[in-house]
Amino acid sequence: MNYIGIDCHISSLDFAVVNERGTITNRAKVNTGVKEFMEFVKSIPKPRKLFIEEGELASWMLETSIKFGEKLIVTDPKINKWIGKAGKKDDPIDAEKLAQLARGKYIKEIYHPISNRRRFKELVFAYHDTVRSQSRIKNKIKARFRREGIRCRGETVYSEKSRNEWRKALPGNKIVHLIVDELWTQLDRTREATENLKRNIRLQSKQFPEIKMFQKVPGIGLIHASTLSAIIETPHRFAHKKKLWMYAGIGLAERKSGEKVYSRKLTREYNRQLKNTVKQATEAAIYSKDNPFRRQYLRLTIEVGIPSHKAKLTVARSMLAALYGMWKKGEEYDREIDKKREKGNQK
C-alpha cells in the first residue's frame, strides 16, 4: 500500500508518498487543479490511498477523487496534533507525517457529504449565517439609539412602519441619521436574503425524506429538521445513539482508570450548531401542547424533582434518540410512544 499524504492550499498541493515500510518514495509540489492533482496521483503505483486534513478544500478534493475512482480520506486535525507540535514545521514535512500517521492507523476519518448533500448543507449553513448577521445588525441599531441617550426596547425599532417615529427621536445630526438609515437598509437586505434562503431550503428539502418525517415530531419545524439532516447527514455514521449524543454535545464524557470513574461531564468537543438546534427544538416541544417530551419534562421536574436544566438535557437526549431511531429504521413518529411504553412496563 502506498500512503499519499497531501497538504492542501488554494495555490498548491504538497505530496509525500510513504510505503508499507515507512520509507518515503516520492515527494512533489503541484499547482492546485484537477489535472495536476490527478496526474501525480495516477503516477503512484496501486494500491494507494490519499489522506488530507479537514479544511476548505476537503470537499472539492473528495469529490474530485471519487470522480476519478480514487480513495481519499479526510482526517481530523485534532487527532493529528503532533503535526502542529513538531519542532520543524513546513508543508512537505506535514504531508509526510500525515502519510506516516495513516500508515500507523493513527488517523480519525471525518465524514464528508458529497454532491446534493454537500450543497444542501451549504445552503442550510448560509441561512444560519444570514440569521446571525441579522441579529448583529439589530444589536447595532439598538446600540446606536442608546448612544444618543434614547431608550430602545421591544421590536418596533426594526419595523418599517415605525421608523419615522424613531427618526424623530434622534438628534438632528445628519451623520447619525445616515448611520441609522444604513443599518435599517442592511436589516432589510438580510431579511430578504433570509426569506429567499428559507424558500430554497423548503424546495431542496424534498430530496431528503427524513426532513418530512422530522417535522412530525413536536418542536421541530422546517429549519430544525433541515439543520439536523444537513449536519448528521446519515444515521449510519453513528454506531448507537450515545455517539450521536456526544456529537451533539449532550452526551457525558467519563474520566476513569480501570473500573473507577473519576468524573462524568458533558463533552467539550461537539458540533455547536447541532447542539443549538437540539436545544431549541427541545424547548419548543416542552412548551408546546401535550406531547411525549412535555410529559417527560413535567414528570422529571414535578414528580422526580430533577432541576429544570437537567430535565431539559434528558428530554433533549430522548428527542435525538427518537429522531435517530426514526431515520435509521425508516419509521414514522409515534405520539403515544411513552404511554405505550408505560403500559408495557405495567404488564
C-alpha atoms as a PDB file:
ATOM      1  CA  MET A   1       0.000   0.000   0.000  1.00  0.00           C
ATOM      2  CA  ASN A   2       1.196   3.492  -0.869  1.00  0.00           C
ATOM      3  CA  TYR A   3       0.052   6.151   1.602  1.00  0.00           C
ATOM      4  CA  ILE A   4      -0.161   9.580  -0.040  1.00  0.00           C
ATOM      5  CA  GLY A   5      -0.224  12.490   2.406  1.00  0.00           C
ATOM      6  CA  ILE A   6      -1.374  15.794   0.920  1.00  0.00           C
ATOM      7  CA  ASP A   7      -1.100  19.291   2.365  1.00  0.00           C
ATOM      8  CA  CYS A   8      -3.679  21.417   0.550  1.00  0.00           C
ATOM      9  CA  HIS A   9      -3.527  25.109  -0.322  1.00  0.00           C
ATOM     10  CA  ILE A  10      -5.529  27.208  -2.744  1.00  0.00           C
ATOM     11  CA  SER A  11      -2.443  27.679  -4.941  1.00  0.00           C
ATOM     12  CA  SER A  12      -0.542  24.410  -4.441  1.00  0.00           C
ATOM     13  CA  LEU A  13      -0.709  20.805  -3.261  1.00  0.00           C
ATOM     14  CA  ASP A  14       2.224  19.205  -1.434  1.00  0.00           C
ATOM     15  CA  PHE A  15       2.519  15.412  -1.674  1.00  0.00           C
ATOM     16  CA  ALA A  16       4.524  12.862   0.292  1.00  0.00           C
ATOM     17  CA  VAL A  17       4.293   9.137  -0.509  1.00  0.00           C
ATOM     18  CA  VAL A  18       5.177   6.513   2.100  1.00  0.00           C
ATOM     19  CA  ASN A  19       5.254   2.755   1.522  1.00  0.00           C
ATOM     20  CA  GLU A  20       4.427  -0.087   3.948  1.00  0.00           C
ATOM     21  CA  ARG A  21       7.944   0.033   5.405  1.00  0.00           C
ATOM     22  CA  GLY A  22       7.612   3.712   6.254  1.00  0.00           C
ATOM     23  CA  THR A  23      10.056   4.790   3.561  1.00  0.00           C
ATOM     24  CA  ILE A  24       9.403   7.989   1.622  1.00  0.00           C
ATOM     25  CA  THR A  25       9.272   7.016  -2.035  1.00  0.00           C
ATOM     26  CA  ASN A  26       8.172  10.292  -3.608  1.00  0.00           C
ATOM     27  CA  ARG A  27       7.636  13.975  -2.959  1.00  0.00           C
ATOM     28  CA  ALA A  28       6.072  16.609  -5.161  1.00  0.00           C
ATOM     29  CA  LYS A  29       4.546  20.048  -5.245  1.00  0.00           C
ATOM     30  CA  VAL A  30       1.975  20.868  -7.939  1.00  0.00           C
ATOM     31  CA  ASN A  31      -0.445  23.657  -8.691  1.00  0.00           C
ATOM     32  CA  THR A  32      -3.941  23.208  -7.289  1.00  0.00           C
ATOM     33  CA  GLY A  33      -6.082  21.909 -10.117  1.00  0.00           C
ATOM     34  CA  VAL A  34      -7.858  18.744 -11.202  1.00  0.00           C
ATOM     35  CA  LYS A  35      -5.355  17.904 -13.955  1.00  0.00           C
ATOM     36  CA  GLU A  36      -2.228  18.437 -11.829  1.00  0.00           C
ATOM     37  CA  PHE A  37      -3.770  16.657  -8.836  1.00  0.00           C
ATOM     38  CA  MET A  38      -4.762  13.546 -10.764  1.00  0.00           C
ATOM     39  CA  GLU A  39      -1.597  13.394 -12.877  1.00  0.00           C
ATOM     40  CA  PHE A  40       0.533  12.975  -9.767  1.00  0.00           C
ATOM     41  CA  VAL A  41      -1.851  10.548  -8.036  1.00  0.00           C
ATOM     42  CA  LYS A  42      -2.094   8.298 -11.134  1.00  0.00           C
ATOM     43  CA  SER A  43       1.732   8.183 -11.302  1.00  0.00           C
ATOM     44  CA  ILE A  44       1.856   6.365  -7.941  1.00  0.00           C
ATOM     45  CA  PRO A  45       1.512   2.553  -8.228  1.00  0.00           C
ATOM     46  CA  LYS A  46      -1.580   0.830  -6.836  1.00  0.00           C
ATOM     47  CA  PRO A  47      -2.705   0.007  -4.216  1.00  0.00           C
ATOM     48  CA  ARG A  48      -2.795   3.593  -2.954  1.00  0.00           C
ATOM     49  CA  LYS A  49      -4.823   5.802  -0.640  1.00  0.00           C
ATOM     50  CA  LEU A  50      -4.907   9.562  -0.273  1.00  0.00           C
ATOM     51  CA  PHE A  51      -5.048  11.418   3.046  1.00  0.00           C
ATOM     52  CA  ILE A  52      -5.747  15.084   3.752  1.00  0.00           C
ATOM     53  CA  GLU A  53      -6.717  17.102   6.817  1.00  0.00           C
ATOM     54  CA  GLU A  54     -10.140  18.727   7.163  1.00  0.00           C
ATOM     55  CA  GLY A  55     -10.141  22.180   5.588  1.00  0.00           C
ATOM     56  CA  GLU A  56     -11.727  24.451   2.987  1.00  0.00           C
ATOM     57  CA  LEU A  57     -10.575  22.299   0.065  1.00  0.00           C
ATOM     58  CA  ALA A  58     -11.620  18.980   1.617  1.00  0.00           C
ATOM     59  CA  SER A  59     -14.987  18.674  -0.170  1.00  0.00           C
ATOM     60  CA  TRP A  60     -13.501  19.596  -3.550  1.00  0.00           C
ATOM     61  CA  MET A  61     -10.624  17.131  -3.101  1.00  0.00           C
ATOM     62  CA  LEU A  62     -13.024  14.371  -2.072  1.00  0.00           C
ATOM     63  CA  GLU A  63     -15.447  14.858  -4.963  1.00  0.00           C
ATOM     64  CA  THR A  64     -12.562  15.053  -7.452  1.00  0.00           C
ATOM     65  CA  SER A  65     -11.054  11.824  -6.085  1.00  0.00           C
ATOM     66  CA  ILE A  66     -14.389   9.977  -6.244  1.00  0.00           C
ATOM     67  CA  LYS A  67     -14.913  11.169  -9.832  1.00  0.00           C
ATOM     68  CA  PHE A  68     -11.582   9.627 -10.861  1.00  0.00           C
ATOM     69  CA  GLY A  69     -12.026   6.436  -8.835  1.00  0.00           C
ATOM     70  CA  GLU A  70      -9.527   7.247  -6.088  1.00  0.00           C
ATOM     71  CA  LYS A  71      -9.894   6.593  -2.355  1.00  0.00           C
ATOM     72  CA  LEU A  72      -9.372   9.788  -0.356  1.00  0.00           C
ATOM     73  CA  ILE A  73      -9.784  10.004   3.416  1.00  0.00           C
ATOM     74  CA  VAL A  74     -10.394  13.323   5.188  1.00  0.00           C
ATOM     75  CA  THR A  75      -8.768  13.231   8.630  1.00  0.00           C
ATOM     76  CA  ASP A  76      -9.362  15.099  11.877  1.00  0.00           C
ATOM     77  CA  PRO A  77      -6.574  17.669  12.520  1.00  0.00           C
ATOM     78  CA  LYS A  78      -7.208  17.498  16.267  1.00  0.00           C
ATOM     79  CA  ILE A  79      -6.190  13.858  16.271  1.00  0.00           C
ATOM     80  CA  ASN A  80      -3.117  14.755  14.215  1.00  0.00           C
ATOM     81  CA  LYS A  81      -1.906  17.154  16.928  1.00  0.00           C
ATOM     82  CA  TRP A  82       1.717  16.184  16.737  1.00  0.00           C
ATOM     83  CA  ILE A  83       1.913  17.569  13.171  1.00  0.00           C
ATOM     84  CA  GLY A  84       1.458  21.074  14.560  1.00  0.00           C
ATOM     85  CA  LYS A  85       3.693  20.452  17.571  1.00  0.00           C
ATOM     86  CA  ALA A  86       6.734  19.349  15.587  1.00  0.00           C
ATOM     87  CA  GLY A  87       9.859  21.415  16.088  1.00  0.00           C
ATOM     88  CA  LYS A  88      10.390  21.944  12.370  1.00  0.00           C
ATOM     89  CA  LYS A  89       7.146  22.968  10.673  1.00  0.00           C
ATOM     90  CA  ASP A  90       6.764  23.286   6.926  1.00  0.00           C
ATOM     91  CA  ASP A  91       4.360  21.873   4.373  1.00  0.00           C
ATOM     92  CA  PRO A  92       6.398  18.949   2.963  1.00  0.00           C
ATOM     93  CA  ILE A  93       7.051  17.644   6.483  1.00  0.00           C
ATOM     94  CA  ASP A  94       3.334  17.908   7.294  1.00  0.00           C
ATOM     95  CA  ALA A  95       2.419  15.878   4.216  1.00  0.00           C
ATOM     96  CA  GLU A  96       4.981  13.225   5.187  1.00  0.00           C
ATOM     97  CA  LYS A  97       3.803  12.970   8.774  1.00  0.00           C
ATOM     98  CA  LEU A  98       0.193  12.698   7.630  1.00  0.00           C
ATOM     99  CA  ALA A  99       1.195   9.762   5.425  1.00  0.00           C
ATOM    100  CA  GLN A 100       3.099   8.189   8.332  1.00  0.00           C
ATOM    101  CA  LEU A 101       0.103   8.628  10.639  1.00  0.00           C
ATOM    102  CA  ALA A 102      -2.094   6.937   8.039  1.00  0.00           C
ATOM    103  CA  ARG A 103       0.367   4.058   7.717  1.00  0.00           C
ATOM    104  CA  GLY A 104       0.302   3.590  11.501  1.00  0.00           C
ATOM    105  CA  LYS A 105      -3.521   3.827  11.550  1.00  0.00           C
ATOM    106  CA  TYR A 106      -3.369   6.795  13.942  1.00  0.00           C
ATOM    107  CA  ILE A 107      -5.828   8.920  11.994  1.00  0.00           C
ATOM    108  CA  LYS A 108      -9.536   9.521  12.505  1.00  0.00           C
ATOM    109  CA  GLU A 109     -11.687   9.847   9.405  1.00  0.00           C
ATOM    110  CA  ILE A 110     -14.183  12.714   9.162  1.00  0.00           C
ATOM    111  CA  TYR A 111     -17.390  12.082   7.267  1.00  0.00           C
ATOM    112  CA  HIS A 112     -17.921  14.483   4.364  1.00  0.00           C
ATOM    113  CA  PRO A 113     -21.114  14.904   2.332  1.00  0.00           C
ATOM    114  CA  ILE A 114     -20.827  14.938  -1.426  1.00  0.00           C
ATOM    115  CA  SER A 115     -22.949  16.063  -4.380  1.00  0.00           C
ATOM    116  CA  ASN A 116     -26.503  17.201  -3.429  1.00  0.00           C
ATOM    117  CA  ARG A 117     -25.929  16.549   0.274  1.00  0.00           C
ATOM    118  CA  ARG A 118     -22.924  18.854   0.273  1.00  0.00           C
ATOM    119  CA  ARG A 119     -24.796  21.674  -1.476  1.00  0.00           C
ATOM    120  CA  PHE A 120     -27.829  21.321   0.790  1.00  0.00           C
ATOM    121  CA  LYS A 121     -25.595  21.572   3.857  1.00  0.00           C
ATOM    122  CA  GLU A 122     -24.007  24.718   2.437  1.00  0.00           C
ATOM    123  CA  LEU A 123     -27.495  26.174   1.839  1.00  0.00           C
ATOM    124  CA  VAL A 124     -28.596  25.471   5.422  1.00  0.00           C
ATOM    125  CA  PHE A 125     -25.421  26.959   6.858  1.00  0.00           C
ATOM    126  CA  ALA A 126     -25.805  30.036   4.630  1.00  0.00           C
ATOM    127  CA  TYR A 127     -29.269  30.501   6.160  1.00  0.00           C
ATOM    128  CA  HIS A 128     -27.881  30.323   9.716  1.00  0.00           C
ATOM    129  CA  ASP A 129     -25.052  32.739   8.830  1.00  0.00           C
ATOM    130  CA  THR A 130     -27.613  35.216   7.466  1.00  0.00           C
ATOM    131  CA  VAL A 131     -29.769  34.903  10.592  1.00  0.00           C
ATOM    132  CA  ARG A 132     -26.705  35.639  12.729  1.00  0.00           C
ATOM    133  CA  SER A 133     -25.907  38.673  10.551  1.00  0.00           C
ATOM    134  CA  GLN A 134     -29.472  39.888  11.030  1.00  0.00           C
ATOM    135  CA  SER A 135     -29.116  39.594  14.820  1.00  0.00           C
ATOM    136  CA  ARG A 136     -25.844  41.542  14.755  1.00  0.00           C
ATOM    137  CA  ILE A 137     -27.439  44.367  12.738  1.00  0.00           C
ATOM    138  CA  LYS A 138     -30.386  44.521  15.154  1.00  0.00           C
ATOM    139  CA  ASN A 139     -27.977  44.838  18.076  1.00  0.00           C
ATOM    140  CA  LYS A 140     -26.147  47.653  16.274  1.00  0.00           C
ATOM    141  CA  ILE A 141     -29.405  49.537  15.667  1.00  0.00           C
ATOM    142  CA  LYS A 142     -30.365  49.462  19.343  1.00  0.00           C
ATOM    143  CA  ALA A 143     -26.825  50.337  20.383  1.00  0.00           C
ATOM    144  CA  ARG A 144     -26.904  53.360  18.072  1.00  0.00           C
ATOM    145  CA  PHE A 145     -30.050  54.704  19.758  1.00  0.00           C
ATOM    146  CA  ARG A 146     -28.670  54.038  23.248  1.00  0.00           C
ATOM    147  CA  ARG A 147     -25.561  56.062  22.384  1.00  0.00           C
ATOM    148  CA  GLU A 148     -27.848  59.008  21.799  1.00  0.00           C
ATOM    149  CA  GLY A 149     -29.479  58.510  25.212  1.00  0.00           C
ATOM    150  CA  ILE A 150     -32.661  57.013  23.748  1.00  0.00           C
ATOM    151  CA  ARG A 151     -34.273  54.043  25.474  1.00  0.00           C
ATOM    152  CA  CYS A 152     -34.849  51.318  22.953  1.00  0.00           C
ATOM    153  CA  ARG A 153     -36.992  48.340  23.919  1.00  0.00           C
ATOM    154  CA  GLY A 154     -39.125  45.884  22.001  1.00  0.00           C
ATOM    155  CA  GLU A 155     -39.165  45.192  18.270  1.00  0.00           C
ATOM    156  CA  THR A 156     -40.748  48.375  16.853  1.00  0.00           C
ATOM    157  CA  VAL A 157     -37.343  49.943  16.163  1.00  0.00           C
ATOM    158  CA  TYR A 158     -36.848  47.309  13.426  1.00  0.00           C
ATOM    159  CA  SER A 159     -40.268  47.817  11.818  1.00  0.00           C
ATOM    160  CA  GLU A 160     -40.559  49.859   8.629  1.00  0.00           C
ATOM    161  CA  LYS A 161     -43.881  51.339   9.832  1.00  0.00           C
ATOM    162  CA  SER A 162     -42.322  52.791  12.996  1.00  0.00           C
ATOM    163  CA  ARG A 163     -39.105  54.182  11.554  1.00  0.00           C
ATOM    164  CA  ASN A 164     -40.338  57.749  11.084  1.00  0.00           C
ATOM    165  CA  GLU A 165     -41.258  57.910  14.779  1.00  0.00           C
ATOM    166  CA  TRP A 166     -37.824  56.590  15.769  1.00  0.00           C
ATOM    167  CA  ARG A 167     -36.108  59.072  13.418  1.00  0.00           C
ATOM    168  CA  LYS A 168     -37.846  61.951  15.220  1.00  0.00           C
ATOM    169  CA  ALA A 169     -36.304  60.743  18.498  1.00  0.00           C
ATOM    170  CA  LEU A 170     -32.783  61.072  17.069  1.00  0.00           C
ATOM    171  CA  PRO A 171     -30.787  64.332  17.295  1.00  0.00           C
ATOM    172  CA  GLY A 172     -30.706  66.483  14.149  1.00  0.00           C
ATOM    173  CA  ASN A 173     -27.148  65.473  13.200  1.00  0.00           C
ATOM    174  CA  LYS A 174     -27.066  64.249   9.562  1.00  0.00           C
ATOM    175  CA  ILE A 175     -24.331  61.672  10.216  1.00  0.00           C
ATOM    176  CA  VAL A 176     -26.356  59.991  12.962  1.00  0.00           C
ATOM    177  CA  HIS A 177     -29.372  59.774  10.635  1.00  0.00           C
ATOM    178  CA  LEU A 178     -27.188  58.419   7.814  1.00  0.00           C
ATOM    179  CA  ILE A 179     -25.743  55.651  10.025  1.00  0.00           C
ATOM    180  CA  VAL A 180     -29.166  54.569  11.315  1.00  0.00           C
ATOM    181  CA  ASP A 181     -30.693  54.617   7.811  1.00  0.00           C
ATOM    182  CA  GLU A 182     -27.841  52.457   6.508  1.00  0.00           C
ATOM    183  CA  LEU A 183     -28.325  49.959   9.338  1.00  0.00           C
ATOM    184  CA  TRP A 184     -32.049  49.757   8.549  1.00  0.00           C
ATOM    185  CA  THR A 185     -31.189  49.175   4.869  1.00  0.00           C
ATOM    186  CA  GLN A 186     -28.795  46.352   5.841  1.00  0.00           C
ATOM    187  CA  LEU A 187     -31.505  44.841   8.032  1.00  0.00           C
ATOM    188  CA  ASP A 188     -33.998  44.881   5.150  1.00  0.00           C
ATOM    189  CA  ARG A 189     -31.478  43.154   2.886  1.00  0.00           C
ATOM    190  CA  THR A 190     -30.706  40.404   5.397  1.00  0.00           C
ATOM    191  CA  ARG A 191     -34.423  39.834   5.996  1.00  0.00           C
ATOM    192  CA  GLU A 192     -34.962  39.441   2.261  1.00  0.00           C
ATOM    193  CA  ALA A 193     -31.951  37.103   1.998  1.00  0.00           C
ATOM    194  CA  THR A 194     -33.185  35.032   4.938  1.00  0.00           C
ATOM    195  CA  GLU A 195     -36.601  34.532   3.364  1.00  0.00           C
ATOM    196  CA  ASN A 196     -35.059  33.684  -0.003  1.00  0.00           C
ATOM    197  CA  LEU A 197     -32.752  31.089   1.569  1.00  0.00           C
ATOM    198  CA  LYS A 198     -35.652  29.622   3.543  1.00  0.00           C
ATOM    199  CA  ARG A 199     -37.727  29.266   0.364  1.00  0.00           C
ATOM    200  CA  ASN A 200     -34.876  27.396  -1.259  1.00  0.00           C
ATOM    201  CA  ILE A 201     -34.394  25.172   1.791  1.00  0.00           C
ATOM    202  CA  ARG A 202     -38.095  24.241   1.580  1.00  0.00           C
ATOM    203  CA  LEU A 203     -37.688  23.433  -2.114  1.00  0.00           C
ATOM    204  CA  GLN A 204     -34.422  21.465  -1.783  1.00  0.00           C
ATOM    205  CA  SER A 205     -35.529  19.595   1.355  1.00  0.00           C
ATOM    206  CA  LYS A 206     -37.894  17.497  -0.773  1.00  0.00           C
ATOM    207  CA  GLN A 207     -34.852  15.464  -1.857  1.00  0.00           C
ATOM    208  CA  PHE A 208     -34.422  14.133   1.672  1.00  0.00           C
ATOM    209  CA  PRO A 209     -37.414  12.162   3.036  1.00  0.00           C
ATOM    210  CA  GLU A 210     -36.215  12.259   6.661  1.00  0.00           C
ATOM    211  CA  ILE A 211     -36.888  16.028   6.798  1.00  0.00           C
ATOM    212  CA  LYS A 212     -40.611  15.474   6.245  1.00  0.00           C
ATOM    213  CA  MET A 213     -40.557  12.757   8.943  1.00  0.00           C
ATOM    214  CA  PHE A 214     -38.736  15.002  11.427  1.00  0.00           C
ATOM    215  CA  GLN A 215     -41.333  17.770  11.068  1.00  0.00           C
ATOM    216  CA  LYS A 216     -43.968  15.483  12.586  1.00  0.00           C
ATOM    217  CA  VAL A 217     -42.006  15.492  15.860  1.00  0.00           C
ATOM    218  CA  PRO A 218     -43.151  18.154  18.382  1.00  0.00           C
ATOM    219  CA  GLY A 219     -40.872  21.196  18.466  1.00  0.00           C
ATOM    220  CA  ILE A 220     -39.351  20.571  15.044  1.00  0.00           C
ATOM    221  CA  GLY A 221     -40.142  22.754  12.045  1.00  0.00           C
ATOM    222  CA  LEU A 222     -38.601  23.085   8.606  1.00  0.00           C
ATOM    223  CA  ILE A 223     -35.357  24.792   9.684  1.00  0.00           C
ATOM    224  CA  HIS A 224     -34.705  22.485  12.652  1.00  0.00           C
ATOM    225  CA  ALA A 225     -35.442  19.397  10.534  1.00  0.00           C
ATOM    226  CA  SER A 226     -33.246  20.617   7.673  1.00  0.00           C
ATOM    227  CA  THR A 227     -30.395  21.517  10.032  1.00  0.00           C
ATOM    228  CA  LEU A 228     -30.495  18.094  11.698  1.00  0.00           C
ATOM    229  CA  SER A 229     -30.489  16.375   8.304  1.00  0.00           C
ATOM    230  CA  ALA A 230     -27.698  18.578   6.923  1.00  0.00           C
ATOM    231  CA  ILE A 231     -25.367  18.129   9.903  1.00  0.00           C
ATOM    232  CA  ILE A 232     -25.961  14.456  10.728  1.00  0.00           C
ATOM    233  CA  GLU A 233     -26.175  13.544   7.017  1.00  0.00           C
ATOM    234  CA  THR A 234     -26.785   9.838   7.707  1.00  0.00           C
ATOM    235  CA  PRO A 235     -27.629   7.963  10.933  1.00  0.00           C
ATOM    236  CA  HIS A 236     -25.247   5.178   9.926  1.00  0.00           C
ATOM    237  CA  ARG A 237     -22.280   7.405  10.818  1.00  0.00           C
ATOM    238  CA  PHE A 238     -23.044   6.620  14.453  1.00  0.00           C
ATOM    239  CA  ALA A 239     -22.897   3.089  15.865  1.00  0.00           C
ATOM    240  CA  HIS A 240     -25.504   3.938  18.503  1.00  0.00           C
ATOM    241  CA  LYS A 241     -27.435   6.868  19.941  1.00  0.00           C
ATOM    242  CA  LYS A 242     -24.826   7.677  22.618  1.00  0.00           C
ATOM    243  CA  LYS A 243     -22.260   8.512  19.948  1.00  0.00           C
ATOM    244  CA  LEU A 244     -24.763  10.907  18.393  1.00  0.00           C
ATOM    245  CA  TRP A 245     -25.381  12.465  21.823  1.00  0.00           C
ATOM    246  CA  MET A 246     -21.632  13.105  22.134  1.00  0.00           C
ATOM    247  CA  TYR A 247     -21.521  14.704  18.676  1.00  0.00           C
ATOM    248  CA  ALA A 248     -24.436  16.949  19.666  1.00  0.00           C
ATOM    249  CA  GLY A 249     -22.784  17.966  22.958  1.00  0.00           C
ATOM    250  CA  ILE A 250     -25.434  16.374  25.190  1.00  0.00           C
ATOM    251  CA  GLY A 251     -23.556  13.168  25.991  1.00  0.00           C
ATOM    252  CA  LEU A 252     -21.484  12.525  29.108  1.00  0.00           C
ATOM    253  CA  ALA A 253     -17.727  12.004  28.784  1.00  0.00           C
ATOM    254  CA  GLU A 254     -16.244   9.796  31.504  1.00  0.00           C
ATOM    255  CA  ARG A 255     -12.794  10.016  33.032  1.00  0.00           C
ATOM    256  CA  LYS A 256     -11.838   6.714  34.559  1.00  0.00           C
ATOM    257  CA  SER A 257      -8.976   4.466  35.498  1.00  0.00           C
ATOM    258  CA  GLY A 258      -9.736   0.773  35.352  1.00  0.00           C
ATOM    259  CA  GLU A 259     -13.191   0.303  36.804  1.00  0.00           C
ATOM    260  CA  LYS A 260     -13.186   3.555  38.784  1.00  0.00           C
ATOM    261  CA  VAL A 261     -14.980   6.567  37.250  1.00  0.00           C
ATOM    262  CA  TYR A 262     -13.462   9.856  38.438  1.00  0.00           C
ATOM    263  CA  SER A 263     -15.811  12.262  36.689  1.00  0.00           C
ATOM    264  CA  ARG A 264     -18.754  12.340  34.331  1.00  0.00           C
ATOM    265  CA  LYS A 265     -19.211  15.653  32.485  1.00  0.00           C
ATOM    266  CA  LEU A 266     -20.739  16.955  29.281  1.00  0.00           C
ATOM    267  CA  THR A 267     -18.329  16.585  26.403  1.00  0.00           C
ATOM    268  CA  ARG A 268     -16.479  19.727  25.311  1.00  0.00           C
ATOM    269  CA  GLU A 269     -15.945  18.644  21.729  1.00  0.00           C
ATOM    270  CA  TYR A 270     -19.163  18.769  19.753  1.00  0.00           C
ATOM    271  CA  ASN A 271     -20.970  20.356  16.828  1.00  0.00           C
ATOM    272  CA  ARG A 272     -22.238  23.683  18.153  1.00  0.00           C
ATOM    273  CA  GLN A 273     -24.885  24.258  15.516  1.00  0.00           C
ATOM    274  CA  LEU A 274     -26.303  20.797  16.148  1.00  0.00           C
ATOM    275  CA  LYS A 275     -26.404  21.382  19.906  1.00  0.00           C
ATOM    276  CA  ASN A 276     -28.174  24.727  19.451  1.00  0.00           C
ATOM    277  CA  THR A 277     -30.733  23.135  17.139  1.00  0.00           C
ATOM    278  CA  VAL A 278     -31.476  20.259  19.529  1.00  0.00           C
ATOM    279  CA  LYS A 279     -31.783  22.661  22.492  1.00  0.00           C
ATOM    280  CA  GLN A 280     -34.166  24.966  20.615  1.00  0.00           C
ATOM    281  CA  ALA A 281     -36.298  22.056  19.424  1.00  0.00           C
ATOM    282  CA  THR A 282     -36.435  20.647  22.974  1.00  0.00           C
ATOM    283  CA  GLU A 283     -37.540  23.984  24.404  1.00  0.00           C
ATOM    284  CA  ALA A 284     -40.223  24.292  21.726  1.00  0.00           C
ATOM    285  CA  ALA A 285     -41.516  20.780  22.433  1.00  0.00           C
ATOM    286  CA  ILE A 286     -41.608  21.332  26.199  1.00  0.00           C
ATOM    287  CA  TYR A 287     -43.706  24.493  25.823  1.00  0.00           C
ATOM    288  CA  SER A 288     -45.984  23.034  23.143  1.00  0.00           C
ATOM    289  CA  LYS A 289     -49.319  21.279  23.685  1.00  0.00           C
ATOM    290  CA  ASP A 290     -49.437  17.833  25.271  1.00  0.00           C
ATOM    291  CA  ASN A 291     -46.752  15.584  23.749  1.00  0.00           C
ATOM    292  CA  PRO A 292     -44.314  12.876  24.988  1.00  0.00           C
ATOM    293  CA  PHE A 293     -41.436  15.318  25.521  1.00  0.00           C
ATOM    294  CA  ARG A 294     -43.553  17.755  27.538  1.00  0.00           C
ATOM    295  CA  ARG A 295     -44.912  14.870  29.623  1.00  0.00           C
ATOM    296  CA  GLN A 296     -41.394  13.593  30.234  1.00  0.00           C
ATOM    297  CA  TYR A 297     -40.198  17.049  31.321  1.00  0.00           C
ATOM    298  CA  LEU A 298     -43.130  17.538  33.714  1.00  0.00           C
ATOM    299  CA  ARG A 299     -42.661  14.075  35.213  1.00  0.00           C
ATOM    300  CA  LEU A 300     -38.927  14.664  35.774  1.00  0.00           C
ATOM    301  CA  THR A 301     -39.351  18.129  37.310  1.00  0.00           C
ATOM    302  CA  ILE A 302     -42.582  17.699  39.303  1.00  0.00           C
ATOM    303  CA  GLU A 303     -42.673  14.030  40.254  1.00  0.00           C
ATOM    304  CA  VAL A 304     -38.972  13.183  40.443  1.00  0.00           C
ATOM    305  CA  GLY A 305     -37.744  16.647  41.492  1.00  0.00           C
ATOM    306  CA  ILE A 306     -34.928  16.949  38.951  1.00  0.00           C
ATOM    307  CA  PRO A 307     -33.730  20.540  38.321  1.00  0.00           C
ATOM    308  CA  SER A 308     -35.122  22.100  35.140  1.00  0.00           C
ATOM    309  CA  HIS A 309     -31.806  22.325  33.243  1.00  0.00           C
ATOM    310  CA  LYS A 310     -31.017  18.657  33.874  1.00  0.00           C
ATOM    311  CA  ALA A 311     -34.538  17.596  32.922  1.00  0.00           C
ATOM    312  CA  LYS A 312     -34.235  19.512  29.632  1.00  0.00           C
ATOM    313  CA  LEU A 313     -30.965  17.720  28.919  1.00  0.00           C
ATOM    314  CA  THR A 314     -32.648  14.348  29.455  1.00  0.00           C
ATOM    315  CA  VAL A 315     -35.540  15.346  27.192  1.00  0.00           C
ATOM    316  CA  ALA A 316     -33.061  16.514  24.531  1.00  0.00           C
ATOM    317  CA  ARG A 317     -31.430  13.071  24.603  1.00  0.00           C
ATOM    318  CA  SER A 318     -34.842  11.418  24.255  1.00  0.00           C
ATOM    319  CA  MET A 319     -35.711  13.629  21.281  1.00  0.00           C
ATOM    320  CA  LEU A 320     -32.414  12.991  19.495  1.00  0.00           C
ATOM    321  CA  ALA A 321     -32.689   9.255  20.191  1.00  0.00           C
ATOM    322  CA  ALA A 322     -36.203   9.258  18.705  1.00  0.00           C
ATOM    323  CA  LEU A 323     -35.015  11.070  15.562  1.00  0.00           C
ATOM    324  CA  TYR A 324     -32.039   8.716  15.248  1.00  0.00           C
ATOM    325  CA  GLY A 325     -34.293   5.648  15.526  1.00  0.00           C
ATOM    326  CA  MET A 326     -36.865   7.009  13.064  1.00  0.00           C
ATOM    327  CA  TRP A 327     -34.215   7.822  10.479  1.00  0.00           C
ATOM    328  CA  LYS A 328     -32.293   4.570  10.860  1.00  0.00           C
ATOM    329  CA  LYS A 329     -35.376   2.321  10.724  1.00  0.00           C
ATOM    330  CA  GLY A 330     -37.448   4.478   8.362  1.00  0.00           C
ATOM    331  CA  GLU A 331     -40.304   4.641  10.878  1.00  0.00           C
ATOM    332  CA  GLU A 332     -42.857   7.402  11.393  1.00  0.00           C
ATOM    333  CA  TYR A 333     -43.080   9.298  14.688  1.00  0.00           C
ATOM    334  CA  ASP A 334     -45.461   7.807  17.292  1.00  0.00           C
ATOM    335  CA  ARG A 335     -47.047  10.496  19.506  1.00  0.00           C
ATOM    336  CA  GLU A 336     -48.183   7.927  22.080  1.00  0.00           C
ATOM    337  CA  ILE A 337     -44.895   6.042  22.385  1.00  0.00           C
ATOM    338  CA  ASP A 338     -44.338   6.995  26.034  1.00  0.00           C
ATOM    339  CA  LYS A 339     -47.842   5.871  27.057  1.00  0.00           C
ATOM    340  CA  LYS A 340     -47.411   2.558  25.235  1.00  0.00           C
ATOM    341  CA  ARG A 341     -44.056   2.070  26.954  1.00  0.00           C
ATOM    342  CA  GLU A 342     -45.626   2.656  30.375  1.00  0.00           C
ATOM    343  CA  LYS A 343     -48.408   0.132  29.664  1.00  0.00           C
ATOM    344  CA  GLY A 344     -45.815  -2.387  28.560  1.00  0.00           C
ATOM    345  CA  ASN A 345     -43.861  -1.941  31.783  1.00  0.00           C
ATOM    346  CA  GLN A 346     -47.004  -2.442  33.883  1.00  0.00           C
ATOM    347  CA  LYS A 347     -47.821  -5.807  32.315  1.00  0.00           C
END
